Structures are given as structure tokens and as C-alpha cells.
């Protein structure tokens, strides 16, 4: 793991919380084939523009694997936490 990089969430953590960090998606450190739920929240913690770009890029990446974007929103009224709600299509 590179300095400054957070550890990737385990499949069990992702299934329990129904969330995954955008960073984990974009660095390829997640495999959602065994994810047991239909919906998933992809969360980005960053500056406003970077959080939006990171969440959108994650949604685009997951669309290649059978997920579609349902909604995107800032969380808790803050512009530094963006959440992309995804739905499994298959």
C-alpha cells in the first residue's frame, strides 16, 4: 500500500455498510461480484470539485460492470462529501 492511501474496505465491510469509498473503486481494489445487495453508495471525501469528479468517475467505472447511477448528492449539506447511489442492473 502506498503512503497516504487508505486500506481498502473488505467485502464484508462493504456488504454491511452498503457503502464503498470512491478511491477504492478507482484504484481497482474492490470486487463487487459477490456483493449481496442491489444498491450501493459510493462515497467521495474531497474538495467540492474533486469529490464530484471522483464520485462521477466511480459511477462511470462501475457502469462497465453492470451498475447504473440512480442519484448523486452531497451528504449532510457539505459539498466535500459526495454520494453516488448505484443500482445493479443484472
PDB file of N, CA and C in Angstrom:
ATOM      1  N   UNK A   1       0.850  -1.177   0.000  1.00  0.00           N
ATOM      2  CA  UNK A   1       0.000   0.000   0.000  1.00  0.00           C
ATOM      3  C   UNK A   1       0.892   1.235   0.000  1.00  0.00           C
ATOM      4  N   UNK A   2       0.533   2.219  -0.808  1.00  0.00           N
ATOM      5  CA  UNK A   2       1.310   3.455  -0.919  1.00  0.00           C
ATOM      6  C   UNK A   2       1.077   4.341   0.300  1.00  0.00           C
ATOM      7  N   UNK A   3       2.068   5.123   0.695  1.00  0.00           N
ATOM      8  CA  UNK A   3       1.862   6.061   1.793  1.00  0.00           C
ATOM      9  C   UNK A   3       0.705   7.006   1.474  1.00  0.00           C
ATOM     10  N   UNK A   4      -0.140   7.244   2.453  1.00  0.00           N
ATOM     11  CA  UNK A   4      -1.283   8.130   2.268  1.00  0.00           C
ATOM     12  C   UNK A   4      -2.520   7.448   1.725  1.00  0.00           C
ATOM     13  N   UNK A   5      -2.361   6.242   1.204  1.00  0.00           N
ATOM     14  CA  UNK A   5      -3.505   5.517   0.664  1.00  0.00           C
ATOM     15  C   UNK A   5      -4.184   4.735   1.788  1.00  0.00           C
ATOM     16  N   UNK A   6      -5.471   4.867   1.874  1.00  0.00           N
ATOM     17  CA  UNK A   6      -6.217   4.131   2.898  1.00  0.00           C
ATOM     18  C   UNK A   6      -6.307   2.665   2.518  1.00  0.00           C
ATOM     19  N   UNK A   7      -6.497   1.837   3.524  1.00  0.00           N
ATOM     20  CA  UNK A   7      -6.674   0.419   3.236  1.00  0.00           C
ATOM     21  C   UNK A   7      -8.048   0.237   2.604  1.00  0.00           C
ATOM     22  N   UNK A   8      -8.154  -0.691   1.679  1.00  0.00           N
ATOM     23  CA  UNK A   8      -9.423  -0.955   1.004  1.00  0.00           C
ATOM     24  C   UNK A   8     -10.387  -1.628   1.976  1.00  0.00           C
ATOM     25  N   UNK A   9     -11.647  -1.291   1.833  1.00  0.00           N
ATOM     26  CA  UNK A   9     -12.670  -1.955   2.642  1.00  0.00           C
ATOM     27  C   UNK A   9     -12.745  -3.425   2.257  1.00  0.00           C
ATOM     28  N   UNK A  10     -13.049  -4.280   3.207  1.00  0.00           N
ATOM     29  CA  UNK A  10     -13.217  -5.698   2.915  1.00  0.00           C
ATOM     30  C   UNK A  10     -14.600  -5.909   2.295  1.00  0.00           C
ATOM     31  N   UNK A  11     -14.804  -6.998   1.566  1.00  0.00           N
ATOM     32  CA  UNK A  11     -16.135  -7.290   1.031  1.00  0.00           C
ATOM     33  C   UNK A  11     -17.200  -7.340   2.133  1.00  0.00           C
ATOM     34  N   UNK A  12     -16.828  -7.832   3.314  1.00  0.00           N
ATOM     35  CA  UNK A  12     -17.772  -7.907   4.427  1.00  0.00           C
ATOM     36  C   UNK A  12     -18.159  -6.505   4.912  1.00  0.00           C
ATOM     37  N   UNK A  13     -17.188  -5.597   4.998  1.00  0.00           N
ATOM     38  CA  UNK A  13     -17.476  -4.218   5.404  1.00  0.00           C
ATOM     39  C   UNK A  13     -18.386  -3.530   4.395  1.00  0.00           C
ATOM     40  N   UNK A  14     -18.093  -3.717   3.119  1.00  0.00           N
ATOM     41  CA  UNK A  14     -18.904  -3.102   2.070  1.00  0.00           C
ATOM     42  C   UNK A  14     -20.331  -3.632   2.125  1.00  0.00           C
ATOM     43  N   UNK A  15     -20.501  -4.931   2.286  1.00  0.00           N
ATOM     44  CA  UNK A  15     -21.842  -5.517   2.357  1.00  0.00           C
ATOM     45  C   UNK A  15     -22.591  -5.039   3.596  1.00  0.00           C
ATOM     46  N   UNK A  16     -21.892  -4.921   4.716  1.00  0.00           N
ATOM     47  CA  UNK A  16     -22.533  -4.496   5.967  1.00  0.00           C
ATOM     48  C   UNK A  16     -22.977  -3.038   5.913  1.00  0.00           C
ATOM     49  N   UNK A  17     -22.110  -2.156   5.423  1.00  0.00           N
ATOM     50  CA  UNK A  17     -22.419  -0.725   5.409  1.00  0.00           C
ATOM     51  C   UNK A  17     -23.139  -0.295   4.130  1.00  0.00           C
ATOM     52  N   UNK A  18     -23.080  -1.138   3.100  1.00  0.00           N
ATOM     53  CA  UNK A  18     -23.634  -0.838   1.775  1.00  0.00           C
ATOM     54  C   UNK A  18     -22.997   0.397   1.162  1.00  0.00           C
ATOM     55  N   UNK A  19     -21.761   0.665   1.557  1.00  0.00           N
ATOM     56  CA  UNK A  19     -21.007   1.787   1.002  1.00  0.00           C
ATOM     57  C   UNK A  19     -19.590   1.346   0.639  1.00  0.00           C
ATOM     58  N   UNK A  20     -19.009   2.070  -0.297  1.00  0.00           N
ATOM     59  CA  UNK A  20     -17.613   1.872  -0.668  1.00  0.00           C
ATOM     60  C   UNK A  20     -17.037   3.248  -0.995  1.00  0.00           C
ATOM     61  N   UNK A  21     -15.791   3.460  -0.656  1.00  0.00           N
ATOM     62  CA  UNK A  21     -15.144   4.730  -0.980  1.00  0.00           C
ATOM     63  C   UNK A  21     -14.849   4.783  -2.481  1.00  0.00           C
ATOM     64  N   UNK A  22     -15.021   5.948  -3.067  1.00  0.00           N
ATOM     65  CA  UNK A  22     -14.720   6.143  -4.486  1.00  0.00           C
ATOM     66  C   UNK A  22     -13.262   5.803  -4.767  1.00  0.00           C
ATOM     67  N   UNK A  23     -12.389   6.162  -3.857  1.00  0.00           N
ATOM     68  CA  UNK A  23     -10.956   5.861  -4.003  1.00  0.00           C
ATOM     69  C   UNK A  23     -10.730   4.359  -4.188  1.00  0.00           C
ATOM     70  N   UNK A  24     -11.467   3.551  -3.442  1.00  0.00           N
ATOM     71  CA  UNK A  24     -11.330   2.098  -3.535  1.00  0.00           C
ATOM     72  C   UNK A  24     -11.763   1.607  -4.915  1.00  0.00           C
ATOM     73  N   UNK A  25     -12.850   2.173  -5.431  1.00  0.00           N
ATOM     74  CA  UNK A  25     -13.338   1.797  -6.763  1.00  0.00           C
ATOM     75  C   UNK A  25     -12.323   2.191  -7.832  1.00  0.00           C
ATOM     76  N   UNK A  26     -11.852   3.428  -7.771  1.00  0.00           N
ATOM     77  CA  UNK A  26     -10.983   3.954  -8.816  1.00  0.00           C
ATOM     78  C   UNK A  26      -9.593   3.340  -8.828  1.00  0.00           C
ATOM     79  N   UNK A  27      -9.163   2.799  -7.715  1.00  0.00           N
ATOM     80  CA  UNK A  27      -7.846   2.147  -7.672  1.00  0.00           C
ATOM     81  C   UNK A  27      -7.948   0.648  -7.929  1.00  0.00           C
ATOM     82  N   UNK A  28      -9.154   0.173  -8.220  1.00  0.00           N
ATOM     83  CA  UNK A  28      -9.335  -1.235  -8.563  1.00  0.00           C
ATOM     84  C   UNK A  28      -9.182  -2.187  -7.401  1.00  0.00           C
ATOM     85  N   UNK A  29      -9.403  -1.690  -6.179  1.00  0.00           N
ATOM     86  CA  UNK A  29      -9.206  -2.543  -5.001  1.00  0.00           C
ATOM     87  C   UNK A  29     -10.524  -3.095  -4.470  1.00  0.00           C
ATOM     88  N   UNK A  30     -11.521  -3.247  -5.346  1.00  0.00           N
ATOM     89  CA  UNK A  30     -12.804  -3.786  -4.917  1.00  0.00           C
ATOM     90  C   UNK A  30     -13.338  -4.732  -5.988  1.00  0.00           C
ATOM     91  N   UNK A  31     -13.923  -5.819  -5.538  1.00  0.00           N
ATOM     92  CA  UNK A  31     -14.586  -6.771  -6.434  1.00  0.00           C
ATOM     93  C   UNK A  31     -16.014  -6.917  -5.916  1.00  0.00           C
ATOM     94  N   UNK A  32     -16.972  -6.414  -6.658  1.00  0.00           N
ATOM     95  CA  UNK A  32     -18.360  -6.404  -6.205  1.00  0.00           C
ATOM     96  C   UNK A  32     -19.179  -7.569  -6.740  1.00  0.00           C
ATOM     97  N   UNK A  33     -18.534  -8.561  -7.355  1.00  0.00           N
ATOM     98  CA  UNK A  33     -19.293  -9.699  -7.887  1.00  0.00           C
ATOM     99  C   UNK A  33     -20.058 -10.441  -6.812  1.00  0.00           C
ATOM    100  N   UNK A  34     -19.531 -10.495  -5.604  1.00  0.00           N
ATOM    101  CA  UNK A  34     -20.203 -11.190  -4.511  1.00  0.00           C
ATOM    102  C   UNK A  34     -21.057 -10.286  -3.632  1.00  0.00           C
ATOM    103  N   UNK A  35     -21.183  -9.016  -4.006  1.00  0.00           N
ATOM    104  CA  UNK A  35     -21.961  -8.063  -3.206  1.00  0.00           C
ATOM    105  C   UNK A  35     -23.417  -8.525  -3.170  1.00  0.00           C
ATOM    106  N   UNK A  36     -24.009  -8.698  -1.978  1.00  0.00           N
ATOM    107  CA  UNK A  36     -25.326  -9.344  -1.868  1.00  0.00           C
ATOM    108  C   UNK A  36     -26.539  -8.428  -2.047  1.00  0.00           C
ATOM    109  N   UNK A  37     -26.334  -7.125  -2.213  1.00  0.00           N
ATOM    110  CA  UNK A  37     -27.466  -6.198  -2.288  1.00  0.00           C
ATOM    111  C   UNK A  37     -27.590  -5.608  -3.681  1.00  0.00           C
ATOM    112  N   UNK A  38     -28.739  -5.030  -3.983  1.00  0.00           N
ATOM    113  CA  UNK A  38     -28.975  -4.433  -5.298  1.00  0.00           C
ATOM    114  C   UNK A  38     -28.436  -3.003  -5.390  1.00  0.00           C
ATOM    115  N   UNK A  39     -28.432  -2.275  -4.279  1.00  0.00           N
ATOM    116  CA  UNK A  39     -27.995  -0.877  -4.271  1.00  0.00           C
ATOM    117  C   UNK A  39     -26.696  -0.713  -3.482  1.00  0.00           C
ATOM    118  N   UNK A  40     -25.918   0.287  -3.879  1.00  0.00           N
ATOM    119  CA  UNK A  40     -24.630   0.557  -3.265  1.00  0.00           C
ATOM    120  C   UNK A  40     -24.383   2.062  -3.300  1.00  0.00           C
ATOM    121  N   UNK A  41     -23.858   2.605  -2.222  1.00  0.00           N
ATOM    122  CA  UNK A  41     -23.487   4.015  -2.178  1.00  0.00           C
ATOM    123  C   UNK A  41     -21.976   4.130  -2.330  1.00  0.00           C
ATOM    124  N   UNK A  42     -21.549   4.937  -3.289  1.00  0.00           N
ATOM    125  CA  UNK A  42     -20.135   5.218  -3.499  1.00  0.00           C
ATOM    126  C   UNK A  42     -19.876   6.615  -2.947  1.00  0.00           C
ATOM    127  N   UNK A  43     -19.000   6.722  -1.964  1.00  0.00           N
ATOM    128  CA  UNK A  43     -18.805   7.972  -1.245  1.00  0.00           C
ATOM    129  C   UNK A  43     -17.415   8.533  -1.519  1.00  0.00           C
ATOM    130  N   UNK A  44     -17.380   9.847  -1.783  1.00  0.00           N
ATOM    131  CA  UNK A  44     -16.122  10.544  -2.009  1.00  0.00           C
ATOM    132  C   UNK A  44     -15.976  11.667  -0.995  1.00  0.00           C
ATOM    133  N   UNK A  45     -14.843  11.690  -0.296  1.00  0.00           N
ATOM    134  CA  UNK A  45     -14.499  12.763   0.653  1.00  0.00           C
ATOM    135  C   UNK A  45     -13.367  13.549   0.025  1.00  0.00           C
ATOM    136  N   UNK A  46     -13.633  14.782  -0.388  1.00  0.00           N
ATOM    137  CA  UNK A  46     -12.611  15.576  -1.053  1.00  0.00           C
ATOM    138  C   UNK A  46     -13.083  17.020  -1.117  1.00  0.00           C
ATOM    139  N   UNK A  47     -12.346  17.879  -1.795  1.00  0.00           N
ATOM    140  CA  UNK A  47     -12.848  19.230  -2.023  1.00  0.00           C
ATOM    141  C   UNK A  47     -14.057  19.123  -2.940  1.00  0.00           C
ATOM    142  N   UNK A  48     -14.870  20.165  -3.012  1.00  0.00           N
ATOM    143  CA  UNK A  48     -16.130  20.092  -3.758  1.00  0.00           C
ATOM    144  C   UNK A  48     -15.947  19.567  -5.181  1.00  0.00           C
ATOM    145  N   UNK A  49     -15.134  20.219  -5.970  1.00  0.00           N
ATOM    146  CA  UNK A  49     -14.967  19.807  -7.365  1.00  0.00           C
ATOM    147  C   UNK A  49     -14.358  18.415  -7.463  1.00  0.00           C
ATOM    148  N   UNK A  50     -13.364  18.144  -6.640  1.00  0.00           N
ATOM    149  CA  UNK A  50     -12.709  16.832  -6.677  1.00  0.00           C
ATOM    150  C   UNK A  50     -13.651  15.727  -6.214  1.00  0.00           C
ATOM    151  N   UNK A  51     -14.475  15.992  -5.200  1.00  0.00           N
ATOM    152  CA  UNK A  51     -15.420  14.979  -4.718  1.00  0.00           C
ATOM    153  C   UNK A  51     -16.434  14.641  -5.797  1.00  0.00           C
ATOM    154  N   UNK A  52     -16.933  15.653  -6.491  1.00  0.00           N
ATOM    155  CA  UNK A  52     -17.892  15.418  -7.569  1.00  0.00           C
ATOM    156  C   UNK A  52     -17.241  14.625  -8.696  1.00  0.00           C
ATOM    157  N   UNK A  53     -16.049  15.026  -9.106  1.00  0.00           N
ATOM    158  CA  UNK A  53     -15.360  14.323 -10.190  1.00  0.00           C
ATOM    159  C   UNK A  53     -15.047  12.879  -9.812  1.00  0.00           C
ATOM    160  N   UNK A  54     -14.625  12.655  -8.571  1.00  0.00           N
ATOM    161  CA  UNK A  54     -14.282  11.313  -8.115  1.00  0.00           C
ATOM    162  C   UNK A  54     -15.524  10.421  -8.051  1.00  0.00           C
ATOM    163  N   UNK A  55     -16.626  10.957  -7.553  1.00  0.00           N
ATOM    164  CA  UNK A  55     -17.871  10.179  -7.487  1.00  0.00           C
ATOM    165  C   UNK A  55     -18.390   9.864  -8.886  1.00  0.00           C
ATOM    166  N   UNK A  56     -18.325  10.836  -9.795  1.00  0.00           N
ATOM    167  CA  UNK A  56     -18.772  10.616 -11.168  1.00  0.00           C
ATOM    168  C   UNK A  56     -17.885   9.594 -11.881  1.00  0.00           C
ATOM    169  N   UNK A  57     -16.597   9.689 -11.691  1.00  0.00           N
ATOM    170  CA  UNK A  57     -15.670   8.737 -12.314  1.00  0.00           C
ATOM    171  C   UNK A  57     -15.922   7.326 -11.790  1.00  0.00           C
ATOM    172  N   UNK A  58     -16.230   7.213 -10.505  1.00  0.00           N
ATOM    173  CA  UNK A  58     -16.532   5.898  -9.923  1.00  0.00           C
ATOM    174  C   UNK A  58     -17.807   5.322 -10.524  1.00  0.00           C
ATOM    175  N   UNK A  59     -18.820   6.171 -10.670  1.00  0.00           N
ATOM    176  CA  UNK A  59     -20.083   5.724 -11.279  1.00  0.00           C
ATOM    177  C   UNK A  59     -19.840   5.257 -12.716  1.00  0.00           C
ATOM    178  N   UNK A  60     -19.040   6.011 -13.440  1.00  0.00           N
ATOM    179  CA  UNK A  60     -18.714   5.637 -14.821  1.00  0.00           C
ATOM    180  C   UNK A  60     -17.969   4.306 -14.858  1.00  0.00           C
ATOM    181  N   UNK A  61     -17.022   4.135 -13.961  1.00  0.00           N
ATOM    182  CA  UNK A  61     -16.263   2.879 -13.898  1.00  0.00           C
ATOM    183  C   UNK A  61     -17.184   1.697 -13.584  1.00  0.00           C
ATOM    184  N   UNK A  62     -18.052   1.868 -12.593  1.00  0.00           N
ATOM    185  CA  UNK A  62     -18.943   0.764 -12.218  1.00  0.00           C
ATOM    186  C   UNK A  62     -19.969   0.451 -13.295  1.00  0.00           C
ATOM    187  N   UNK A  63     -20.282   1.422 -14.151  1.00  0.00           N
ATOM    188  CA  UNK A  63     -21.249   1.162 -15.228  1.00  0.00           C
ATOM    189  C   UNK A  63     -20.731   0.082 -16.185  1.00  0.00           C
ATOM    190  N   UNK A  64     -19.429  -0.080 -16.251  1.00  0.00           N
ATOM    191  CA  UNK A  64     -18.833  -1.131 -17.081  1.00  0.00           C
ATOM    192  C   UNK A  64     -19.089  -2.526 -16.504  1.00  0.00           C
ATOM    193  N   UNK A  65     -19.458  -2.576 -15.230  1.00  0.00           N
ATOM    194  CA  UNK A  65     -19.627  -3.851 -14.533  1.00  0.00           C
ATOM    195  C   UNK A  65     -21.083  -4.098 -14.124  1.00  0.00           C
ATOM    196  N   UNK A  66     -22.027  -3.475 -14.833  1.00  0.00           N
ATOM    197  CA  UNK A  66     -23.436  -3.775 -14.599  1.00  0.00           C
ATOM    198  C   UNK A  66     -24.101  -2.947 -13.513  1.00  0.00           C
ATOM    199  N   UNK A  67     -23.572  -1.764 -13.234  1.00  0.00           N
ATOM    200  CA  UNK A  67     -24.172  -0.864 -12.255  1.00  0.00           C
ATOM    201  C   UNK A  67     -24.616   0.397 -12.970  1.00  0.00           C
ATOM    202  N   UNK A  68     -25.745   0.984 -12.530  1.00  0.00           N
ATOM    203  CA  UNK A  68     -26.192   2.249 -13.097  1.00  0.00           C
ATOM    204  C   UNK A  68     -26.371   3.277 -11.993  1.00  0.00           C
ATOM    205  N   UNK A  69     -26.131   4.526 -12.350  1.00  0.00           N
ATOM    206  CA  UNK A  69     -26.273   5.626 -11.407  1.00  0.00           C
ATOM    207  C   UNK A  69     -27.750   5.929 -11.193  1.00  0.00           C
ATOM    208  N   UNK A  70     -28.175   5.933  -9.926  1.00  0.00           N
ATOM    209  CA  UNK A  70     -29.556   6.252  -9.576  1.00  0.00           C
ATOM    210  C   UNK A  70     -29.669   7.714  -9.182  1.00  0.00           C
ATOM    211  N   UNK A  71     -28.728   8.178  -8.355  1.00  0.00           N
ATOM    212  CA  UNK A  71     -28.781   9.546  -7.854  1.00  0.00           C
ATOM    213  C   UNK A  71     -27.391   9.950  -7.366  1.00  0.00           C
ATOM    214  N   UNK A  72     -27.150  11.249  -7.384  1.00  0.00           N
ATOM    215  CA  UNK A  72     -25.911  11.780  -6.828  1.00  0.00           C
ATOM    216  C   UNK A  72     -26.277  12.966  -5.954  1.00  0.00           C
ATOM    217  N   UNK A  73     -25.649  13.041  -4.785  1.00  0.00           N
ATOM    218  CA  UNK A  73     -25.993  14.110  -3.858  1.00  0.00           C
ATOM    219  C   UNK A  73     -24.818  14.403  -2.942  1.00  0.00           C
ATOM    220  N   UNK A  74     -24.815  15.630  -2.398  1.00  0.00           N
ATOM    221  CA  UNK A  74     -23.871  15.912  -1.330  1.00  0.00           C
ATOM    222  C   UNK A  74     -24.477  15.364  -0.034  1.00  0.00           C
ATOM    223  N   UNK A  75     -23.630  15.001   0.882  1.00  0.00           N
ATOM    224  CA  UNK A  75     -24.084  14.332   2.106  1.00  0.00           C
ATOM    225  C   UNK A  75     -24.035  15.306   3.271  1.00  0.00           C
ATOM    226  N   UNK A  76     -25.120  15.402   4.004  1.00  0.00           N
ATOM    227  CA  UNK A  76     -25.158  16.227   5.203  1.00  0.00           C
ATOM    228  C   UNK A  76     -25.014  17.702   4.942  1.00  0.00           C
ATOM    229  N   UNK A  77     -25.334  18.141   3.723  1.00  0.00           N
ATOM    230  CA  UNK A  77     -25.255  19.553   3.414  1.00  0.00           C
ATOM    231  C   UNK A  77     -23.844  20.049   3.157  1.00  0.00           C
ATOM    232  N   UNK A  78     -22.876  19.149   3.198  1.00  0.00           N
ATOM    233  CA  UNK A  78     -21.499  19.556   2.938  1.00  0.00           C
ATOM    234  C   UNK A  78     -21.161  19.302   1.474  1.00  0.00           C
ATOM    235  N   UNK A  79     -20.390  20.156   0.885  1.00  0.00           N
ATOM    236  CA  UNK A  79     -20.009  19.966  -0.517  1.00  0.00           C
ATOM    237  C   UNK A  79     -18.724  19.162  -0.651  1.00  0.00           C
ATOM    238  N   UNK A  80     -18.174  18.695   0.450  1.00  0.00           N
ATOM    239  CA  UNK A  80     -16.938  17.921   0.382  1.00  0.00           C
ATOM    240  C   UNK A  80     -17.174  16.426   0.481  1.00  0.00           C
ATOM    241  N   UNK A  81     -18.413  16.016   0.668  1.00  0.00           N
ATOM    242  CA  UNK A  81     -18.746  14.589   0.681  1.00  0.00           C
ATOM    243  C   UNK A  81     -19.850  14.371  -0.339  1.00  0.00           C
ATOM    244  N   UNK A  82     -19.521  13.650  -1.407  1.00  0.00           N
ATOM    245  CA  UNK A  82     -20.483  13.345  -2.452  1.00  0.00           C
ATOM    246  C   UNK A  82     -20.806  11.857  -2.410  1.00  0.00           C
ATOM    247  N   UNK A  83     -22.053  11.540  -2.699  1.00  0.00           N
ATOM    248  CA  UNK A  83     -22.502  10.155  -2.677  1.00  0.00           C
ATOM    249  C   UNK A  83     -23.194   9.826  -3.994  1.00  0.00           C
ATOM    250  N   UNK A  84     -22.711   8.802  -4.660  1.00  0.00           N
ATOM    251  CA  UNK A  84     -23.344   8.292  -5.874  1.00  0.00           C
ATOM    252  C   UNK A  84     -24.068   7.004  -5.498  1.00  0.00           C
ATOM    253  N   UNK A  85     -25.377   7.008  -5.628  1.00  0.00           N
ATOM    254  CA  UNK A  85     -26.158   5.804  -5.334  1.00  0.00           C
ATOM    255  C   UNK A  85     -26.269   4.999  -6.625  1.00  0.00           C
ATOM    256  N   UNK A  86     -25.831   3.761  -6.544  1.00  0.00           N
ATOM    257  CA  UNK A  86     -25.764   2.887  -7.715  1.00  0.00           C
ATOM    258  C   UNK A  86     -26.737   1.726  -7.558  1.00  0.00           C
ATOM    259  N   UNK A  87     -27.238   1.215  -8.695  1.00  0.00           N
ATOM    260  CA  UNK A  87     -28.127   0.042  -8.706  1.00  0.00           C
ATOM    261  C   UNK A  87     -27.520  -1.001  -9.658  1.00  0.00           C
ATOM    262  N   UNK A  88     -27.502  -2.240  -9.180  1.00  0.00           N
ATOM    263  CA  UNK A  88     -27.030  -3.334 -10.031  1.00  0.00           C
ATOM    264  C   UNK A  88     -28.093  -3.605 -11.090  1.00  0.00           C
ATOM    265  N   UNK A  89     -27.710  -3.691 -12.334  1.00  0.00           N
ATOM    266  CA  UNK A  89     -28.678  -3.873 -13.406  1.00  0.00           C
ATOM    267  C   UNK A  89     -28.907  -5.329 -13.754  1.00  0.00           C
ATOM    268  N   UNK A  90     -27.977  -6.182 -13.416  1.00  0.00           N
ATOM    269  CA  UNK A  90     -28.106  -7.581 -13.810  1.00  0.00           C
ATOM    270  C   UNK A  90     -28.522  -8.503 -12.723  1.00  0.00           C
TER     271      UNK A  90
END
